[in-house]
PDB file of all heavy atoms in Angstrom:
ATOM      1  N   ILE A   1     140.697  74.671 166.188  1.00  0.00           N
ATOM      2  CA  ILE A   1     140.070  73.567 165.463  1.00  0.00           C
ATOM      3  C   ILE A   1     140.130  73.845 163.966  1.00  0.00           C
ATOM      4  O   ILE A   1     139.658  74.886 163.502  1.00  0.00           O
ATOM      5  CB  ILE A   1     138.617  73.374 165.918  1.00  0.00           C
ATOM      6  CG1 ILE A   1     138.590  73.048 167.410  1.00  0.00           C
ATOM      7  CG2 ILE A   1     137.939  72.277 165.104  1.00  0.00           C
ATOM      8  CD1 ILE A   1     137.216  73.010 168.019  1.00  0.00           C
ATOM      9  N   HIS A   2     140.742  72.942 163.235  1.00  0.00           N
ATOM     10  CA  HIS A   2     140.808  73.053 161.781  1.00  0.00           C
ATOM     11  C   HIS A   2     141.060  71.663 161.207  1.00  0.00           C
ATOM     12  O   HIS A   2     141.343  70.713 161.928  1.00  0.00           O
ATOM     13  CB  HIS A   2     141.880  74.049 161.341  1.00  0.00           C
ATOM     14  CG  HIS A   2     143.252  73.729 161.849  1.00  0.00           C
ATOM     15  ND1 HIS A   2     144.052  72.778 161.279  1.00  0.00           N
ATOM     16  CD2 HIS A   2     143.952  74.235 162.887  1.00  0.00           C
ATOM     17  CE1 HIS A   2     145.194  72.717 161.933  1.00  0.00           C
ATOM     18  NE2 HIS A   2     145.150  73.593 162.928  1.00  0.00           N
ATOM     19  N   SER A   3     140.935  71.564 159.896  1.00  0.00           N
ATOM     20  CA  SER A   3     141.124  70.266 159.250  1.00  0.00           C
ATOM     21  C   SER A   3     142.602  69.892 159.231  1.00  0.00           C
ATOM     22  O   SER A   3     143.477  70.723 159.497  1.00  0.00           O
ATOM     23  CB  SER A   3     140.579  70.316 157.825  1.00  0.00           C
ATOM     24  OG  SER A   3     141.270  71.295 157.079  1.00  0.00           O
ATOM     25  N   LEU A   4     142.855  68.633 158.914  1.00  0.00           N
ATOM     26  CA  LEU A   4     144.231  68.179 158.770  1.00  0.00           C
ATOM     27  C   LEU A   4     144.882  68.887 157.592  1.00  0.00           C
ATOM     28  O   LEU A   4     144.195  69.348 156.674  1.00  0.00           O
ATOM     29  CB  LEU A   4     144.261  66.662 158.534  1.00  0.00           C
ATOM     30  CG  LEU A   4     143.758  65.802 159.680  1.00  0.00           C
ATOM     31  CD1 LEU A   4     143.647  64.362 159.231  1.00  0.00           C
ATOM     32  CD2 LEU A   4     144.685  65.912 160.868  1.00  0.00           C
ATOM     33  N   LYS A   5     146.191  68.961 157.602  1.00  0.00           N
ATOM     34  CA  LYS A   5     146.906  69.645 156.516  1.00  0.00           C
ATOM     35  C   LYS A   5     146.492  69.094 155.150  1.00  0.00           C
ATOM     36  O   LYS A   5     146.438  67.885 154.942  1.00  0.00           O
ATOM     37  CB  LYS A   5     148.412  69.465 156.675  1.00  0.00           C
ATOM     38  CG  LYS A   5     148.985  70.202 157.853  1.00  0.00           C
ATOM     39  CD  LYS A   5     150.492  70.151 157.828  1.00  0.00           C
ATOM     40  CE  LYS A   5     150.966  69.044 158.724  1.00  0.00           C
ATOM     41  NZ  LYS A   5     152.410  68.962 158.812  1.00  0.00           N
ATOM     42  N   ARG A   6     146.175  70.019 154.258  1.00  0.00           N
ATOM     43  CA  ARG A   6     145.849  69.703 152.857  1.00  0.00           C
ATOM     44  C   ARG A   6     144.704  68.712 152.719  1.00  0.00           C
ATOM     45  O   ARG A   6     144.657  67.933 151.781  1.00  0.00           O
ATOM     46  CB  ARG A   6     147.095  69.217 152.117  1.00  0.00           C
ATOM     47  CG  ARG A   6     148.193  70.268 152.040  1.00  0.00           C
ATOM     48  CD  ARG A   6     149.426  69.777 151.332  1.00  0.00           C
ATOM     49  NE  ARG A   6     150.134  68.703 152.012  1.00  0.00           N
ATOM     50  CZ  ARG A   6     150.971  68.851 153.024  1.00  0.00           C
ATOM     51  NH1 ARG A   6     151.225  70.044 153.488  1.00  0.00           N
ATOM     52  NH2 ARG A   6     151.559  67.822 153.574  1.00  0.00           N
ATOM     53  N   ARG A   7     143.767  68.691 153.663  1.00  0.00           N
ATOM     54  CA  ARG A   7     142.603  67.804 153.570  1.00  0.00           C
ATOM     55  C   ARG A   7     141.335  68.631 153.654  1.00  0.00           C
ATOM     56  O   ARG A   7     141.314  69.683 154.267  1.00  0.00           O
ATOM     57  CB  ARG A   7     142.606  66.776 154.698  1.00  0.00           C
ATOM     58  CG  ARG A   7     143.723  65.776 154.606  1.00  0.00           C
ATOM     59  CD  ARG A   7     143.584  64.757 155.735  1.00  0.00           C
ATOM     60  NE  ARG A   7     144.735  63.902 155.818  1.00  0.00           N
ATOM     61  CZ  ARG A   7     144.812  62.702 155.255  1.00  0.00           C
ATOM     62  NH1 ARG A   7     143.798  62.228 154.584  1.00  0.00           N
ATOM     63  NH2 ARG A   7     145.891  61.978 155.385  1.00  0.00           N
ATOM     64  N   ALA A   8     140.282  68.114 153.061  1.00  0.00           N
ATOM     65  CA  ALA A   8     138.988  68.774 153.142  1.00  0.00           C
ATOM     66  C   ALA A   8     138.515  68.801 154.597  1.00  0.00           C
ATOM     67  O   ALA A   8     138.916  67.955 155.406  1.00  0.00           O
ATOM     68  CB  ALA A   8     137.960  68.038 152.275  1.00  0.00           C
ATOM     69  N   THR A   9     137.667  69.750 154.932  1.00  0.00           N
ATOM     70  CA  THR A   9     137.208  69.931 156.313  1.00  0.00           C
ATOM     71  C   THR A   9     136.619  68.659 156.902  1.00  0.00           C
ATOM     72  O   THR A   9     136.888  68.308 158.037  1.00  0.00           O
ATOM     73  CB  THR A   9     136.169  71.062 156.380  1.00  0.00           C
ATOM     74  OG1 THR A   9     136.777  72.241 155.856  1.00  0.00           O
ATOM     75  CG2 THR A   9     135.725  71.326 157.794  1.00  0.00           C
ATOM     76  N   LYS A  10     135.811  67.955 156.158  1.00  0.00           N
ATOM     77  CA  LYS A  10     135.138  66.748 156.663  1.00  0.00           C
ATOM     78  C   LYS A  10     135.853  65.455 156.263  1.00  0.00           C
ATOM     79  O   LYS A  10     135.305  64.371 156.402  1.00  0.00           O
ATOM     80  CB  LYS A  10     133.694  66.699 156.149  1.00  0.00           C
ATOM     81  CG  LYS A  10     132.834  67.860 156.585  1.00  0.00           C
ATOM     82  CD  LYS A  10     132.377  67.674 157.989  1.00  0.00           C
ATOM     83  CE  LYS A  10     131.428  68.809 158.381  1.00  0.00           C
ATOM     84  NZ  LYS A  10     130.847  68.622 159.662  1.00  0.00           N
ATOM     85  N   ALA A  11     137.074  65.550 155.771  1.00  0.00           N
ATOM     86  CA  ALA A  11     137.806  64.361 155.317  1.00  0.00           C
ATOM     87  C   ALA A  11     138.085  63.425 156.489  1.00  0.00           C
ATOM     88  O   ALA A  11     138.310  63.853 157.615  1.00  0.00           O
ATOM     89  CB  ALA A  11     139.117  64.769 154.655  1.00  0.00           C
ATOM     90  N   THR A  12     138.062  62.153 156.214  1.00  0.00           N
ATOM     91  CA  THR A  12     138.419  61.140 157.201  1.00  0.00           C
ATOM     92  C   THR A  12     139.499  60.252 156.594  1.00  0.00           C
ATOM     93  O   THR A  12     139.770  60.314 155.392  1.00  0.00           O
ATOM     94  CB  THR A  12     137.210  60.272 157.596  1.00  0.00           C
ATOM     95  OG1 THR A  12     136.736  59.596 156.433  1.00  0.00           O
ATOM     96  CG2 THR A  12     136.105  61.112 158.196  1.00  0.00           C
ATOM     97  N   ARG A  13     140.087  59.444 157.419  1.00  0.00           N
ATOM     98  CA  ARG A  13     141.061  58.479 156.914  1.00  0.00           C
ATOM     99  C   ARG A  13     140.980  57.215 157.745  1.00  0.00           C
ATOM    100  O   ARG A  13     140.733  57.260 158.945  1.00  0.00           O
ATOM    101  CB  ARG A  13     142.471  59.046 156.910  1.00  0.00           C
ATOM    102  CG  ARG A  13     142.964  59.415 158.279  1.00  0.00           C
ATOM    103  CD  ARG A  13     144.356  59.976 158.222  1.00  0.00           C
ATOM    104  NE  ARG A  13     144.770  60.374 159.558  1.00  0.00           N
ATOM    105  CZ  ARG A  13     145.941  60.826 159.860  1.00  0.00           C
ATOM    106  NH1 ARG A  13     146.851  60.933 158.919  1.00  0.00           N
ATOM    107  NH2 ARG A  13     146.247  61.162 161.084  1.00  0.00           N
ATOM    108  N   ALA A  14     141.157  56.100 157.104  1.00  0.00           N
ATOM    109  CA  ALA A  14     141.126  54.812 157.793  1.00  0.00           C
ATOM    110  C   ALA A  14     142.464  54.591 158.487  1.00  0.00           C
ATOM    111  O   ALA A  14     143.524  54.828 157.907  1.00  0.00           O
ATOM    112  CB  ALA A  14     140.865  53.694 156.790  1.00  0.00           C
ATOM    113  N   VAL A  15     142.410  54.161 159.734  1.00  0.00           N
ATOM    114  CA  VAL A  15     143.616  53.866 160.490  1.00  0.00           C
ATOM    115  C   VAL A  15     143.469  52.453 161.046  1.00  0.00           C
ATOM    116  O   VAL A  15     142.631  52.211 161.908  1.00  0.00           O
ATOM    117  CB  VAL A  15     143.810  54.872 161.650  1.00  0.00           C
ATOM    118  CG1 VAL A  15     145.050  54.531 162.445  1.00  0.00           C
ATOM    119  CG2 VAL A  15     143.878  56.288 161.119  1.00  0.00           C
ATOM    120  N   PRO A  16     144.243  51.501 160.540  1.00  0.00           N
ATOM    121  CA  PRO A  16     144.122  50.125 161.030  1.00  0.00           C
ATOM    122  C   PRO A  16     144.625  50.009 162.469  1.00  0.00           C
ATOM    123  O   PRO A  16     145.662  50.577 162.824  1.00  0.00           O
ATOM    124  CB  PRO A  16     145.003  49.323 160.073  1.00  0.00           C
ATOM    125  CG  PRO A  16     145.959  50.315 159.509  1.00  0.00           C
ATOM    126  CD  PRO A  16     145.265  51.647 159.512  1.00  0.00           C
ATOM    127  N   ILE A  17     143.843  49.304 163.282  1.00  0.00           N
ATOM    128  CA  ILE A  17     144.242  49.069 164.677  1.00  0.00           C
ATOM    129  C   ILE A  17     143.984  47.611 165.024  1.00  0.00           C
ATOM    130  O   ILE A  17     143.138  46.957 164.410  1.00  0.00           O
ATOM    131  CB  ILE A  17     143.504  50.001 165.662  1.00  0.00           C
ATOM    132  CG1 ILE A  17     141.993  49.809 165.570  1.00  0.00           C
ATOM    133  CG2 ILE A  17     143.879  51.451 165.416  1.00  0.00           C
ATOM    134  CD1 ILE A  17     141.216  50.601 166.606  1.00  0.00           C
ATOM    135  N   PRO A  18     144.693  47.087 166.013  1.00  0.00           N
ATOM    136  CA  PRO A  18     144.518  45.687 166.399  1.00  0.00           C
ATOM    137  C   PRO A  18     143.109  45.441 166.953  1.00  0.00           C
ATOM    138  O   PRO A  18     142.518  46.322 167.589  1.00  0.00           O
ATOM    139  CB  PRO A  18     145.560  45.484 167.502  1.00  0.00           C
ATOM    140  CG  PRO A  18     146.506  46.620 167.383  1.00  0.00           C
ATOM    141  CD  PRO A  18     145.757  47.749 166.766  1.00  0.00           C
ATOM    142  N   PRO A  19     142.560  44.234 166.735  1.00  0.00           N
ATOM    143  CA  PRO A  19     141.225  43.904 167.226  1.00  0.00           C
ATOM    144  C   PRO A  19     141.035  44.142 168.723  1.00  0.00           C
ATOM    145  O   PRO A  19     139.971  44.573 169.157  1.00  0.00           O
ATOM    146  CB  PRO A  19     141.072  42.420 166.887  1.00  0.00           C
ATOM    147  CG  PRO A  19     141.975  42.221 165.713  1.00  0.00           C
ATOM    148  CD  PRO A  19     143.132  43.157 165.943  1.00  0.00           C
ATOM    149  N   VAL A  20     142.065  43.904 169.523  1.00  0.00           N
ATOM    150  CA  VAL A  20     141.925  44.107 170.963  1.00  0.00           C
ATOM    151  C   VAL A  20     141.693  45.590 171.275  1.00  0.00           C
ATOM    152  O   VAL A  20     140.927  45.934 172.179  1.00  0.00           O
ATOM    153  CB  VAL A  20     143.140  43.539 171.736  1.00  0.00           C
ATOM    154  CG1 VAL A  20     144.404  44.331 171.440  1.00  0.00           C
ATOM    155  CG2 VAL A  20     142.857  43.512 173.221  1.00  0.00           C
ATOM    156  N   LEU A  21     142.304  46.485 170.504  1.00  0.00           N
ATOM    157  CA  LEU A  21     142.086  47.914 170.702  1.00  0.00           C
ATOM    158  C   LEU A  21     140.675  48.308 170.255  1.00  0.00           C
ATOM    159  O   LEU A  21     140.024  49.130 170.902  1.00  0.00           O
ATOM    160  CB  LEU A  21     143.138  48.734 169.960  1.00  0.00           C
ATOM    161  CG  LEU A  21     143.050  50.245 170.121  1.00  0.00           C
ATOM    162  CD1 LEU A  21     143.042  50.654 171.596  1.00  0.00           C
ATOM    163  CD2 LEU A  21     144.182  50.933 169.390  1.00  0.00           C
ATOM    164  N   VAL A  22     140.188  47.713 169.184  1.00  0.00           N
ATOM    165  CA  VAL A  22     138.805  47.952 168.740  1.00  0.00           C
ATOM    166  C   VAL A  22     137.842  47.588 169.871  1.00  0.00           C
ATOM    167  O   VAL A  22     136.932  48.349 170.200  1.00  0.00           O
ATOM    168  CB  VAL A  22     138.467  47.139 167.469  1.00  0.00           C
ATOM    169  CG1 VAL A  22     136.989  47.235 167.125  1.00  0.00           C
ATOM    170  CG2 VAL A  22     139.324  47.599 166.304  1.00  0.00           C
ATOM    171  N   PHE A  23     138.070  46.443 170.490  1.00  0.00           N
ATOM    172  CA  PHE A  23     137.218  46.006 171.602  1.00  0.00           C
ATOM    173  C   PHE A  23     137.270  47.023 172.747  1.00  0.00           C
ATOM    174  O   PHE A  23     136.233  47.402 173.301  1.00  0.00           O
ATOM    175  CB  PHE A  23     137.661  44.624 172.097  1.00  0.00           C
ATOM    176  CG  PHE A  23     136.931  44.180 173.325  1.00  0.00           C
ATOM    177  CD1 PHE A  23     135.648  43.662 173.221  1.00  0.00           C
ATOM    178  CD2 PHE A  23     137.502  44.316 174.577  1.00  0.00           C
ATOM    179  CE1 PHE A  23     134.953  43.274 174.367  1.00  0.00           C
ATOM    180  CE2 PHE A  23     136.821  43.933 175.721  1.00  0.00           C
ATOM    181  CZ  PHE A  23     135.537  43.411 175.613  1.00  0.00           C
ATOM    182  N   MET A  24     138.486  47.464 173.093  1.00  0.00           N
ATOM    183  CA  MET A  24     138.630  48.419 174.195  1.00  0.00           C
ATOM    184  C   MET A  24     137.925  49.737 173.889  1.00  0.00           C
ATOM    185  O   MET A  24     137.248  50.306 174.752  1.00  0.00           O
ATOM    186  CB  MET A  24     140.114  48.667 174.481  1.00  0.00           C
ATOM    187  CG  MET A  24     140.831  47.458 175.062  1.00  0.00           C
ATOM    188  SD  MET A  24     142.626  47.641 175.091  1.00  0.00           S
ATOM    189  CE  MET A  24     142.812  49.006 176.217  1.00  0.00           C
ATOM    190  N   LEU A  25     138.067  50.233 172.676  1.00  0.00           N
ATOM    191  CA  LEU A  25     137.419  51.486 172.298  1.00  0.00           C
ATOM    192  C   LEU A  25     135.896  51.353 172.297  1.00  0.00           C
ATOM    193  O   LEU A  25     135.183  52.240 172.776  1.00  0.00           O
ATOM    194  CB  LEU A  25     137.916  51.949 170.934  1.00  0.00           C
ATOM    195  CG  LEU A  25     139.367  52.429 170.902  1.00  0.00           C
ATOM    196  CD1 LEU A  25     139.821  52.675 169.473  1.00  0.00           C
ATOM    197  CD2 LEU A  25     139.543  53.676 171.742  1.00  0.00           C
ATOM    198  N   ARG A  26     135.394  50.237 171.783  1.00  0.00           N
ATOM    199  CA  ARG A  26     133.938  50.027 171.787  1.00  0.00           C
ATOM    200  C   ARG A  26     133.396  49.919 173.207  1.00  0.00           C
ATOM    201  O   ARG A  26     132.312  50.416 173.508  1.00  0.00           O
ATOM    202  CB  ARG A  26     133.584  48.787 170.969  1.00  0.00           C
ATOM    203  CG  ARG A  26     133.730  49.031 169.482  1.00  0.00           C
ATOM    204  CD  ARG A  26     133.344  47.830 168.671  1.00  0.00           C
ATOM    205  NE  ARG A  26     133.423  48.142 167.248  1.00  0.00           N
ATOM    206  CZ  ARG A  26     133.512  47.247 166.302  1.00  0.00           C
ATOM    207  NH1 ARG A  26     133.536  45.960 166.605  1.00  0.00           N
ATOM    208  NH2 ARG A  26     133.583  47.613 165.046  1.00  0.00           N
ATOM    209  N   GLU A  27     134.142  49.285 174.095  1.00  0.00           N
ATOM    210  CA  GLU A  27     133.740  49.204 175.500  1.00  0.00           C
ATOM    211  C   GLU A  27     133.723  50.580 176.144  1.00  0.00           C
ATOM    212  O   GLU A  27     132.810  50.917 176.891  1.00  0.00           O
ATOM    213  CB  GLU A  27     134.693  48.294 176.290  1.00  0.00           C
ATOM    214  CG  GLU A  27     134.262  46.878 176.471  1.00  0.00           C
ATOM    215  CD  GLU A  27     132.849  46.723 176.982  1.00  0.00           C
ATOM    216  OE1 GLU A  27     132.555  47.086 178.142  1.00  0.00           O
ATOM    217  OE2 GLU A  27     132.016  46.228 176.220  1.00  0.00           O
ATOM    218  N   HIS A  28     134.736  51.375 175.838  1.00  0.00           N
ATOM    219  CA  HIS A  28     134.799  52.731 176.375  1.00  0.00           C
ATOM    220  C   HIS A  28     133.588  53.552 175.900  1.00  0.00           C
ATOM    221  O   HIS A  28     132.946  54.240 176.697  1.00  0.00           O
ATOM    222  CB  HIS A  28     136.097  53.410 175.940  1.00  0.00           C
ATOM    223  CG  HIS A  28     136.218  54.818 176.425  1.00  0.00           C
ATOM    224  ND1 HIS A  28     136.740  55.130 177.648  1.00  0.00           N
ATOM    225  CD2 HIS A  28     135.858  55.998 175.858  1.00  0.00           C
ATOM    226  CE1 HIS A  28     136.702  56.441 177.819  1.00  0.00           C
ATOM    227  NE2 HIS A  28     136.168  56.981 176.736  1.00  0.00           N
ATOM    228  N   ILE A  29     133.263  53.456 174.619  1.00  0.00           N
ATOM    229  CA  ILE A  29     132.115  54.187 174.077  1.00  0.00           C
ATOM    230  C   ILE A  29     130.823  53.675 174.691  1.00  0.00           C
ATOM    231  O   ILE A  29     129.932  54.460 175.037  1.00  0.00           O
ATOM    232  CB  ILE A  29     132.087  54.077 172.539  1.00  0.00           C
ATOM    233  CG1 ILE A  29     133.282  54.837 171.950  1.00  0.00           C
ATOM    234  CG2 ILE A  29     130.774  54.622 171.978  1.00  0.00           C
ATOM    235  CD1 ILE A  29     133.503  54.571 170.471  1.00  0.00           C
ATOM    236  N   ARG A  30     130.704  52.376 174.863  1.00  0.00           N
ATOM    237  CA  ARG A  30     129.496  51.820 175.479  1.00  0.00           C
ATOM    238  C   ARG A  30     129.323  52.341 176.898  1.00  0.00           C
ATOM    239  O   ARG A  30     128.232  52.718 177.316  1.00  0.00           O
ATOM    240  CB  ARG A  30     129.564  50.288 175.496  1.00  0.00           C
ATOM    241  CG  ARG A  30     128.288  49.634 176.025  1.00  0.00           C
ATOM    242  CD  ARG A  30     128.469  48.142 176.275  1.00  0.00           C
ATOM    243  NE  ARG A  30     129.441  47.848 177.313  1.00  0.00           N
ATOM    244  CZ  ARG A  30     129.246  48.035 178.620  1.00  0.00           C
ATOM    245  NH1 ARG A  30     128.117  48.535 179.062  1.00  0.00           N
ATOM    246  NH2 ARG A  30     130.187  47.722 179.492  1.00  0.00           N
ATOM    247  N   GLN A  31     130.419  52.409 177.641  1.00  0.00           N
ATOM    248  CA  GLN A  31     130.357  52.817 179.036  1.00  0.00           C
ATOM    249  C   GLN A  31     130.236  54.336 179.211  1.00  0.00           C
ATOM    250  O   GLN A  31     129.477  54.807 180.045  1.00  0.00           O
ATOM    251  CB  GLN A  31     131.595  52.318 179.777  1.00  0.00           C
ATOM    252  CG  GLN A  31     131.543  52.560 181.274  1.00  0.00           C
ATOM    253  CD  GLN A  31     132.700  51.882 182.006  1.00  0.00           C
ATOM    254  OE1 GLN A  31     133.508  51.178 181.417  1.00  0.00           O
ATOM    255  NE2 GLN A  31     132.775  52.108 183.291  1.00  0.00           N
ATOM    256  N   PHE A  32     130.983  55.104 178.410  1.00  0.00           N
ATOM    257  CA  PHE A  32     131.062  56.551 178.627  1.00  0.00           C
ATOM    258  C   PHE A  32     130.440  57.390 177.514  1.00  0.00           C
ATOM    259  O   PHE A  32     130.262  58.586 177.679  1.00  0.00           O
ATOM    260  CB  PHE A  32     132.519  56.982 178.808  1.00  0.00           C
ATOM    261  CG  PHE A  32     133.188  56.314 179.972  1.00  0.00           C
ATOM    262  CD1 PHE A  32     134.091  55.285 179.771  1.00  0.00           C
ATOM    263  CD2 PHE A  32     132.915  56.702 181.274  1.00  0.00           C
ATOM    264  CE1 PHE A  32     134.718  54.660 180.836  1.00  0.00           C
ATOM    265  CE2 PHE A  32     133.526  56.079 182.356  1.00  0.00           C
ATOM    266  CZ  PHE A  32     134.431  55.057 182.136  1.00  0.00           C
ATOM    267  N   GLY A  33     130.144  56.779 176.367  1.00  0.00           N
ATOM    268  CA  GLY A  33     129.626  57.549 175.240  1.00  0.00           C
ATOM    269  C   GLY A  33     130.701  58.442 174.650  1.00  0.00           C
ATOM    270  O   GLY A  33     131.889  58.287 174.933  1.00  0.00           O
ATOM    271  N   VAL A  34     130.278  59.370 173.819  1.00  0.00           N
ATOM    272  CA  VAL A  34     131.195  60.340 173.220  1.00  0.00           C
ATOM    273  C   VAL A  34     130.682  61.740 173.521  1.00  0.00           C
ATOM    274  O   VAL A  34     129.516  61.927 173.865  1.00  0.00           O
ATOM    275  CB  VAL A  34     131.346  60.134 171.694  1.00  0.00           C
ATOM    276  CG1 VAL A  34     131.966  58.787 171.382  1.00  0.00           C
ATOM    277  CG2 VAL A  34     130.022  60.278 170.987  1.00  0.00           C
ATOM    278  N   ALA A  35     131.544  62.731 173.366  1.00  0.00           N
ATOM    279  CA  ALA A  35     131.158  64.125 173.569  1.00  0.00           C
ATOM    280  C   ALA A  35     130.191  64.534 172.457  1.00  0.00           C
ATOM    281  O   ALA A  35     130.150  63.909 171.397  1.00  0.00           O
ATOM    282  CB  ALA A  35     132.405  65.008 173.554  1.00  0.00           C
ATOM    283  N   PRO A  36     129.404  65.582 172.671  1.00  0.00           N
ATOM    284  CA  PRO A  36     128.470  66.042 171.638  1.00  0.00           C
ATOM    285  C   PRO A  36     129.133  66.317 170.285  1.00  0.00           C
ATOM    286  O   PRO A  36     128.518  66.132 169.245  1.00  0.00           O
ATOM    287  CB  PRO A  36     127.884  67.328 172.226  1.00  0.00           C
ATOM    288  CG  PRO A  36     127.970  67.131 173.700  1.00  0.00           C
ATOM    289  CD  PRO A  36     129.254  66.364 173.912  1.00  0.00           C
ATOM    290  N   ASP A  37     130.402  66.719 170.304  1.00  0.00           N
ATOM    291  CA  ASP A  37     131.095  66.986 169.038  1.00  0.00           C
ATOM    292  C   ASP A  37     131.801  65.753 168.486  1.00  0.00           C
ATOM    293  O   ASP A  37     132.509  65.817 167.507  1.00  0.00           O
ATOM    294  CB  ASP A  37     132.076  68.148 169.195  1.00  0.00           C
ATOM    295  CG  ASP A  37     133.211  67.850 170.162  1.00  0.00           C
ATOM    296  OD1 ASP A  37     133.253  66.748 170.742  1.00  0.00           O
ATOM    297  OD2 ASP A  37     134.068  68.730 170.345  1.00  0.00           O
ATOM    298  N   GLY A  38     131.611  64.586 169.134  1.00  0.00           N
ATOM    299  CA  GLY A  38     132.165  63.340 168.634  1.00  0.00           C
ATOM    300  C   GLY A  38     133.491  62.926 169.236  1.00  0.00           C
ATOM    301  O   GLY A  38     133.987  61.834 168.950  1.00  0.00           O
ATOM    302  N   ARG A  39     134.094  63.780 170.064  1.00  0.00           N
ATOM    303  CA  ARG A  39     135.363  63.402 170.678  1.00  0.00           C
ATOM    304  C   ARG A  39     135.174  62.199 171.584  1.00  0.00           C
ATOM    305  O   ARG A  39     134.173  62.052 172.250  1.00  0.00           O
ATOM    306  CB  ARG A  39     135.946  64.561 171.506  1.00  0.00           C
ATOM    307  CG  ARG A  39     136.575  65.633 170.669  1.00  0.00           C
ATOM    308  CD  ARG A  39     137.078  66.791 171.515  1.00  0.00           C
ATOM    309  NE  ARG A  39     135.940  67.472 172.132  1.00  0.00           N
ATOM    310  CZ  ARG A  39     135.724  67.523 173.438  1.00  0.00           C
ATOM    311  NH1 ARG A  39     136.552  66.968 174.283  1.00  0.00           N
ATOM    312  NH2 ARG A  39     134.666  68.146 173.914  1.00  0.00           N
ATOM    313  N   LEU A  40     136.154  61.342 171.612  1.00  0.00           N
ATOM    314  CA  LEU A  40     136.091  60.128 172.412  1.00  0.00           C
ATOM    315  C   LEU A  40     136.464  60.384 173.865  1.00  0.00           C
ATOM    316  O   LEU A  40     135.840  59.873 174.774  1.00  0.00           O
ATOM    317  CB  LEU A  40     137.035  59.080 171.805  1.00  0.00           C
ATOM    318  CG  LEU A  40     137.022  57.697 172.401  1.00  0.00           C
ATOM    319  CD1 LEU A  40     135.647  57.073 172.321  1.00  0.00           C
ATOM    320  CD2 LEU A  40     138.026  56.822 171.685  1.00  0.00           C
ATOM    321  N   PHE A  41     137.465  61.189 174.103  1.00  0.00           N
ATOM    322  CA  PHE A  41     137.933  61.454 175.457  1.00  0.00           C
ATOM    323  C   PHE A  41     137.717  62.919 175.800  1.00  0.00           C
ATOM    324  O   PHE A  41     137.948  63.798 174.987  1.00  0.00           O
ATOM    325  CB  PHE A  41     139.417  61.097 175.600  1.00  0.00           C
ATOM    326  CG  PHE A  41     139.693  59.652 175.273  1.00  0.00           C
ATOM    327  CD1 PHE A  41     140.318  59.300 174.091  1.00  0.00           C
ATOM    328  CD2 PHE A  41     139.293  58.650 176.145  1.00  0.00           C
ATOM    329  CE1 PHE A  41     140.561  57.976 173.784  1.00  0.00           C
ATOM    330  CE2 PHE A  41     139.536  57.313 175.846  1.00  0.00           C
ATOM    331  CZ  PHE A  41     140.165  56.978 174.662  1.00  0.00           C
ATOM    332  N   ARG A  42     137.259  63.188 177.018  1.00  0.00           N
ATOM    333  CA  ARG A  42     137.003  64.541 177.498  1.00  0.00           C
ATOM    334  C   ARG A  42     137.163  64.570 179.002  1.00  0.00           C
ATOM    335  O   ARG A  42     137.166  63.522 179.649  1.00  0.00           O
ATOM    336  CB  ARG A  42     135.611  64.994 177.097  1.00  0.00           C
ATOM    337  CG  ARG A  42     134.527  64.062 177.624  1.00  0.00           C
ATOM    338  CD  ARG A  42     133.243  64.236 176.819  1.00  0.00           C
ATOM    339  NE  ARG A  42     132.180  63.390 177.288  1.00  0.00           N
ATOM    340  CZ  ARG A  42     131.990  62.136 176.924  1.00  0.00           C
ATOM    341  NH1 ARG A  42     132.832  61.560 176.091  1.00  0.00           N
ATOM    342  NH2 ARG A  42     130.985  61.444 177.376  1.00  0.00           N
ATOM    343  N   ASN A  43     137.269  65.759 179.568  1.00  0.00           N
ATOM    344  CA  ASN A  43     137.416  65.857 181.022  1.00  0.00           C
ATOM    345  C   ASN A  43     136.049  65.754 181.704  1.00  0.00           C
ATOM    346  O   ASN A  43     135.027  65.594 181.036  1.00  0.00           O
ATOM    347  CB  ASN A  43     138.166  67.136 181.416  1.00  0.00           C
ATOM    348  CG  ASN A  43     137.408  68.403 181.083  1.00  0.00           C
ATOM    349  OD1 ASN A  43     136.206  68.390 180.820  1.00  0.00           O
ATOM    350  ND2 ASN A  43     138.116  69.517 181.078  1.00  0.00           N
ATOM    351  N   ALA A  44     136.019  65.845 183.020  1.00  0.00           N
ATOM    352  CA  ALA A  44     134.772  65.670 183.771  1.00  0.00           C
ATOM    353  C   ALA A  44     133.716  66.704 183.402  1.00  0.00           C
ATOM    354  O   ALA A  44     132.517  66.442 183.507  1.00  0.00           O
ATOM    355  CB  ALA A  44     135.060  65.728 185.271  1.00  0.00           C
TER     356      ALA A  44
END
């Protein structure tokens, strides 16, 4: 685990995605939540 190349440890970046994908991701988070460290997908 480390930051992205040449970026600050807590740096973020905006990534544009289609509205339908936003809906799918929000539904996934509503149904399954996120891991304690913020990851969206994790194993059982």
